N, C-alpha and C. Protein backbone atom coordinates (compact mmCIF):
# COMPACT_ATOMS: atom_id res chain seq x y z
N UNK A 1 42.09 50.22 -11.74
CA UNK A 1 42.44 49.54 -12.97
C UNK A 1 43.68 50.23 -13.55
N UNK A 2 44.54 49.53 -14.23
CA UNK A 2 45.80 50.08 -14.74
C UNK A 2 45.56 51.14 -15.81
N UNK A 3 44.59 50.92 -16.68
CA UNK A 3 44.33 51.89 -17.74
C UNK A 3 43.75 53.18 -17.19
N UNK A 4 42.95 53.12 -16.17
CA UNK A 4 42.35 54.31 -15.58
C UNK A 4 43.42 55.16 -14.89
N UNK A 5 44.46 54.55 -14.35
CA UNK A 5 45.52 55.29 -13.70
C UNK A 5 46.40 56.02 -14.71
N UNK A 6 46.54 55.52 -15.90
CA UNK A 6 47.37 56.15 -16.91
C UNK A 6 46.67 57.33 -17.58
N UNK A 7 45.45 57.58 -17.25
CA UNK A 7 44.74 58.71 -17.82
C UNK A 7 44.05 58.39 -19.12
N UNK A 8 44.12 57.19 -19.55
CA UNK A 8 43.46 56.80 -20.79
C UNK A 8 42.05 56.31 -20.47
N UNK A 9 41.11 56.73 -21.25
CA UNK A 9 39.75 56.24 -20.99
C UNK A 9 39.66 54.75 -21.37
N UNK A 10 39.05 54.02 -20.53
CA UNK A 10 38.87 52.59 -20.82
C UNK A 10 37.40 52.25 -20.73
N UNK A 11 37.01 51.43 -21.61
CA UNK A 11 35.61 50.98 -21.61
C UNK A 11 35.61 49.48 -21.46
N UNK A 12 34.93 48.81 -20.65
CA UNK A 12 34.07 49.37 -19.63
C UNK A 12 34.87 49.97 -18.48
N UNK A 13 34.27 50.89 -17.79
CA UNK A 13 34.93 51.56 -16.68
C UNK A 13 35.12 50.56 -15.56
N UNK A 14 36.33 50.54 -15.00
CA UNK A 14 36.62 49.61 -13.91
C UNK A 14 35.90 50.07 -12.65
N UNK A 15 35.21 49.14 -12.01
CA UNK A 15 34.50 49.44 -10.78
C UNK A 15 34.90 48.43 -9.72
N UNK A 16 34.75 48.88 -8.53
CA UNK A 16 35.01 47.97 -7.42
C UNK A 16 33.79 47.07 -7.25
N UNK A 17 34.04 45.79 -7.16
CA UNK A 17 32.95 44.83 -7.02
C UNK A 17 32.68 44.59 -5.55
N UNK A 18 31.44 44.78 -5.17
CA UNK A 18 31.05 44.56 -3.78
C UNK A 18 30.84 43.06 -3.55
N UNK A 19 31.19 42.58 -2.36
CA UNK A 19 30.96 41.15 -2.10
C UNK A 19 29.47 40.84 -2.03
N UNK A 20 29.12 39.67 -2.52
CA UNK A 20 27.73 39.23 -2.54
C UNK A 20 27.39 38.63 -1.18
N UNK A 21 26.26 39.05 -0.65
CA UNK A 21 25.84 38.51 0.63
C UNK A 21 25.23 37.13 0.41
N UNK A 22 25.70 36.16 1.17
CA UNK A 22 25.23 34.79 1.01
C UNK A 22 24.35 34.39 2.18
N UNK A 23 23.53 33.41 1.90
CA UNK A 23 22.67 32.88 2.96
C UNK A 23 23.52 32.12 3.96
N UNK A 24 23.12 32.14 5.22
CA UNK A 24 23.90 31.41 6.23
C UNK A 24 23.91 29.91 5.94
N UNK A 25 25.02 29.29 6.23
CA UNK A 25 25.18 27.86 6.02
C UNK A 25 25.16 27.15 7.36
N UNK A 26 24.35 26.11 7.45
CA UNK A 26 24.27 25.31 8.66
C UNK A 26 24.92 23.97 8.38
N UNK A 27 25.78 23.53 9.26
CA UNK A 27 26.47 22.28 9.05
C UNK A 27 25.94 21.15 9.92
N UNK A 28 25.00 21.43 10.77
CA UNK A 28 24.45 20.36 11.60
C UNK A 28 23.24 19.77 10.88
N UNK A 29 22.88 18.57 11.25
CA UNK A 29 21.72 17.91 10.65
C UNK A 29 20.41 18.37 11.26
N UNK A 30 20.50 19.19 12.29
CA UNK A 30 19.29 19.58 13.00
C UNK A 30 18.45 20.58 12.23
N UNK A 31 19.11 21.51 11.56
CA UNK A 31 18.34 22.52 10.86
C UNK A 31 19.09 22.99 9.63
N UNK A 32 18.40 23.02 8.53
CA UNK A 32 18.95 23.55 7.29
C UNK A 32 17.99 24.61 6.78
N UNK A 33 18.46 25.52 5.98
CA UNK A 33 17.56 26.58 5.51
C UNK A 33 16.33 26.05 4.79
N UNK A 34 16.47 25.00 3.99
CA UNK A 34 15.34 24.44 3.27
C UNK A 34 15.16 22.98 3.67
N UNK A 35 14.98 22.75 4.94
CA UNK A 35 14.86 21.38 5.45
C UNK A 35 13.53 20.78 5.03
N UNK A 36 13.57 19.54 4.61
CA UNK A 36 12.36 18.80 4.30
C UNK A 36 12.35 17.55 5.16
N UNK A 37 11.19 17.15 5.57
CA UNK A 37 11.08 15.96 6.39
C UNK A 37 11.22 14.73 5.50
N UNK A 38 12.02 13.78 5.97
CA UNK A 38 12.19 12.54 5.24
C UNK A 38 11.06 11.59 5.60
N UNK A 39 10.64 10.82 4.61
CA UNK A 39 9.60 9.84 4.86
C UNK A 39 10.18 8.68 5.66
N UNK A 40 9.40 8.17 6.56
CA UNK A 40 9.83 7.02 7.34
C UNK A 40 9.03 5.81 6.92
N UNK A 41 9.72 4.72 6.70
CA UNK A 41 9.07 3.51 6.22
C UNK A 41 8.12 2.96 7.27
N UNK A 42 8.47 3.08 8.55
CA UNK A 42 7.63 2.54 9.61
C UNK A 42 6.27 3.23 9.68
N UNK A 43 6.22 4.49 9.31
CA UNK A 43 5.00 5.26 9.40
C UNK A 43 4.03 4.89 8.29
N UNK A 44 4.53 4.37 7.19
CA UNK A 44 3.69 4.11 6.03
C UNK A 44 2.80 2.88 6.18
N UNK A 45 3.01 2.09 7.22
CA UNK A 45 2.16 0.94 7.54
C UNK A 45 2.04 -0.03 6.37
N UNK A 46 3.14 -0.45 5.85
CA UNK A 46 3.12 -1.43 4.77
C UNK A 46 2.88 -2.81 5.37
N UNK A 47 1.93 -3.52 4.80
CA UNK A 47 1.53 -4.82 5.33
C UNK A 47 1.84 -5.89 4.30
N UNK A 48 2.38 -7.00 4.77
CA UNK A 48 2.66 -8.12 3.89
C UNK A 48 1.35 -8.72 3.39
N UNK A 49 1.25 -8.93 2.09
CA UNK A 49 0.05 -9.50 1.49
C UNK A 49 0.22 -11.01 1.35
N UNK A 50 -0.78 -11.77 1.73
CA UNK A 50 -0.70 -13.23 1.64
C UNK A 50 -0.63 -13.73 0.20
N UNK A 51 -1.11 -12.94 -0.74
CA UNK A 51 -1.04 -13.35 -2.15
C UNK A 51 0.39 -13.39 -2.66
N UNK A 52 1.30 -12.67 -2.01
CA UNK A 52 2.70 -12.66 -2.44
C UNK A 52 3.37 -14.00 -2.20
N UNK A 53 2.81 -14.81 -1.30
CA UNK A 53 3.41 -16.12 -1.01
C UNK A 53 3.35 -17.01 -2.24
N UNK A 54 2.19 -17.08 -2.86
CA UNK A 54 2.06 -17.94 -4.03
C UNK A 54 2.62 -17.28 -5.30
N UNK A 55 2.52 -15.96 -5.40
CA UNK A 55 3.02 -15.27 -6.61
C UNK A 55 4.53 -15.22 -6.66
N UNK A 56 5.18 -14.91 -5.52
CA UNK A 56 6.62 -14.62 -5.52
C UNK A 56 7.43 -15.51 -4.57
N UNK A 57 6.80 -16.53 -3.96
CA UNK A 57 7.47 -17.44 -3.03
C UNK A 57 8.08 -16.69 -1.84
N UNK A 58 7.33 -15.78 -1.27
CA UNK A 58 7.77 -15.02 -0.09
C UNK A 58 6.80 -15.26 1.06
N UNK A 59 7.34 -15.29 2.27
CA UNK A 59 6.52 -15.33 3.48
C UNK A 59 7.01 -14.24 4.42
N UNK A 60 6.19 -13.93 5.40
CA UNK A 60 6.63 -12.98 6.42
C UNK A 60 7.21 -13.78 7.57
N UNK A 61 8.49 -13.60 7.84
CA UNK A 61 9.20 -14.36 8.86
C UNK A 61 9.82 -13.38 9.84
N UNK A 62 9.30 -13.35 11.06
CA UNK A 62 9.73 -12.40 12.10
C UNK A 62 9.61 -10.95 11.64
N UNK A 63 8.53 -10.63 10.95
CA UNK A 63 8.25 -9.26 10.55
C UNK A 63 8.90 -8.79 9.26
N UNK A 64 9.74 -9.59 8.64
CA UNK A 64 10.37 -9.19 7.37
C UNK A 64 10.00 -10.18 6.28
N UNK A 65 9.78 -9.72 5.07
CA UNK A 65 9.50 -10.63 3.97
C UNK A 65 10.73 -11.47 3.65
N UNK A 66 10.57 -12.79 3.63
CA UNK A 66 11.69 -13.70 3.42
C UNK A 66 11.39 -14.61 2.24
N UNK A 67 12.37 -14.78 1.38
CA UNK A 67 12.23 -15.63 0.20
C UNK A 67 12.28 -17.09 0.63
N UNK A 68 11.32 -17.88 0.16
CA UNK A 68 11.31 -19.30 0.49
C UNK A 68 12.39 -20.06 -0.26
N UNK A 69 12.85 -19.55 -1.38
CA UNK A 69 13.80 -20.26 -2.22
C UNK A 69 15.23 -20.09 -1.70
N UNK A 70 15.65 -18.84 -1.49
CA UNK A 70 17.05 -18.59 -1.11
C UNK A 70 17.19 -18.09 0.34
N UNK A 71 16.09 -17.92 1.05
CA UNK A 71 16.07 -17.50 2.45
C UNK A 71 16.65 -16.10 2.69
N UNK A 72 16.69 -15.27 1.68
CA UNK A 72 17.13 -13.89 1.88
C UNK A 72 15.91 -13.03 2.19
N UNK A 73 16.13 -11.93 2.88
CA UNK A 73 15.02 -11.07 3.26
C UNK A 73 15.09 -9.75 2.49
N UNK A 74 13.92 -9.15 2.32
CA UNK A 74 13.79 -7.85 1.68
C UNK A 74 13.43 -6.88 2.78
N UNK A 75 14.05 -5.71 2.78
CA UNK A 75 13.91 -4.81 3.91
C UNK A 75 12.55 -4.12 4.02
N UNK A 76 11.87 -3.89 2.90
CA UNK A 76 10.62 -3.13 2.92
C UNK A 76 9.50 -3.96 2.32
N UNK A 77 8.34 -3.93 2.96
CA UNK A 77 7.16 -4.65 2.48
C UNK A 77 6.53 -3.92 1.30
N UNK A 78 7.20 -3.93 0.16
CA UNK A 78 6.64 -3.34 -1.05
C UNK A 78 6.66 -4.41 -2.13
N UNK A 79 5.55 -4.49 -2.86
CA UNK A 79 5.45 -5.52 -3.89
C UNK A 79 6.52 -5.37 -4.95
N UNK A 80 6.89 -4.15 -5.27
CA UNK A 80 7.90 -3.93 -6.31
C UNK A 80 9.26 -4.51 -5.88
N UNK A 81 9.61 -4.39 -4.62
CA UNK A 81 10.88 -4.94 -4.14
C UNK A 81 10.86 -6.47 -4.16
N UNK A 82 9.74 -7.05 -3.75
CA UNK A 82 9.61 -8.50 -3.72
C UNK A 82 9.59 -9.05 -5.13
N UNK A 83 8.85 -8.39 -6.02
CA UNK A 83 8.79 -8.84 -7.43
C UNK A 83 10.16 -8.74 -8.09
N UNK A 84 10.90 -7.66 -7.82
CA UNK A 84 12.23 -7.49 -8.41
C UNK A 84 13.17 -8.62 -7.97
N UNK A 85 13.13 -8.97 -6.69
CA UNK A 85 13.96 -10.07 -6.20
C UNK A 85 13.58 -11.37 -6.90
N UNK A 86 12.29 -11.65 -6.97
CA UNK A 86 11.81 -12.89 -7.57
C UNK A 86 12.19 -12.99 -9.05
N UNK A 87 11.99 -11.90 -9.79
CA UNK A 87 12.26 -11.94 -11.24
C UNK A 87 13.74 -11.98 -11.57
N UNK A 88 14.59 -11.37 -10.75
CA UNK A 88 16.01 -11.35 -11.06
C UNK A 88 16.75 -12.57 -10.52
N UNK A 89 16.38 -13.05 -9.34
CA UNK A 89 17.10 -14.15 -8.72
C UNK A 89 16.56 -15.53 -9.09
N UNK A 90 15.26 -15.63 -9.33
CA UNK A 90 14.63 -16.94 -9.53
C UNK A 90 13.72 -16.97 -10.76
N UNK A 91 14.23 -16.70 -11.95
CA UNK A 91 13.36 -16.67 -13.13
C UNK A 91 12.82 -18.04 -13.54
N UNK A 92 13.52 -19.13 -13.17
CA UNK A 92 13.05 -20.46 -13.58
C UNK A 92 11.78 -20.88 -12.86
N UNK A 93 11.48 -20.26 -11.70
CA UNK A 93 10.27 -20.62 -10.96
C UNK A 93 9.02 -20.02 -11.57
N UNK A 94 9.16 -19.11 -12.53
CA UNK A 94 7.96 -18.54 -13.17
C UNK A 94 7.30 -19.55 -14.11
N UNK A 95 8.02 -20.61 -14.47
CA UNK A 95 7.46 -21.64 -15.34
C UNK A 95 6.45 -22.52 -14.60
N UNK A 96 6.55 -22.60 -13.28
CA UNK A 96 5.65 -23.41 -12.47
C UNK A 96 4.33 -22.66 -12.30
N UNK A 97 3.20 -23.35 -12.51
CA UNK A 97 1.91 -22.68 -12.34
C UNK A 97 0.88 -23.66 -11.81
N UNK A 98 -0.22 -23.11 -11.36
CA UNK A 98 -1.36 -23.92 -10.91
C UNK A 98 -1.10 -24.68 -9.62
N UNK A 99 -1.56 -25.94 -9.62
CA UNK A 99 -1.45 -26.79 -8.44
C UNK A 99 0.00 -27.12 -8.12
N UNK A 100 0.85 -27.24 -9.14
CA UNK A 100 2.27 -27.52 -8.90
C UNK A 100 2.93 -26.37 -8.14
N UNK A 101 2.51 -25.15 -8.42
CA UNK A 101 3.05 -23.98 -7.72
C UNK A 101 2.66 -24.01 -6.24
N UNK A 102 1.41 -24.32 -5.95
CA UNK A 102 0.96 -24.41 -4.56
C UNK A 102 1.70 -25.52 -3.83
N UNK A 103 1.92 -26.63 -4.50
CA UNK A 103 2.65 -27.74 -3.90
C UNK A 103 4.10 -27.35 -3.60
N UNK A 104 4.72 -26.61 -4.52
CA UNK A 104 6.11 -26.16 -4.32
C UNK A 104 6.21 -25.18 -3.15
N UNK A 105 5.24 -24.28 -3.02
CA UNK A 105 5.21 -23.35 -1.88
C UNK A 105 5.09 -24.12 -0.58
N UNK A 106 4.23 -25.10 -0.56
CA UNK A 106 4.03 -25.93 0.64
C UNK A 106 5.34 -26.64 1.02
N UNK A 107 6.01 -27.24 0.03
CA UNK A 107 7.28 -27.94 0.31
C UNK A 107 8.36 -26.99 0.81
N UNK A 108 8.44 -25.81 0.21
CA UNK A 108 9.47 -24.83 0.64
C UNK A 108 9.18 -24.30 2.04
N UNK A 109 7.91 -24.17 2.40
CA UNK A 109 7.57 -23.72 3.75
C UNK A 109 8.03 -24.72 4.79
N UNK A 110 7.87 -25.99 4.50
CA UNK A 110 8.30 -27.02 5.43
C UNK A 110 9.81 -27.10 5.52
N UNK A 111 10.50 -26.70 4.46
CA UNK A 111 11.96 -26.70 4.47
C UNK A 111 12.55 -25.53 5.24
N UNK A 112 11.73 -24.53 5.51
CA UNK A 112 12.20 -23.36 6.23
C UNK A 112 12.24 -23.66 7.68
C-alpha cells in the first residue's frame, strides 16, 4: 500500500488478499454440481378424461387432446391446459348448456 511504504501508519492495515477458491464449473449437460432430475411428462401417465369432451369441447385425436372448435391441439393431457384454452379462445361456448351442448359436441365431432 502507498501509505505503508511512506512510513506513515495507516488504518486499516493493507493486506494481501488471497484468491478465493471456487467450486469447479461444468459446462456439459451431463453433470452439474447440483444436478436435479427433470420431470418427464411421459412418465406421469396423464390420461385424457372423457368428461373433458362435453365440458371443454376436446377429444383425444391420435394421442393428443384436440379442440373440436378450432382443431388446435394441446401438448399435455392436463385439465388446466385444456380449460385455459377453452376459456381464452372460446368464451361464447360457455353459454351453451344441457342437451344443446351435447348436440353441439356431436355435430363438431362429425365435422372433424
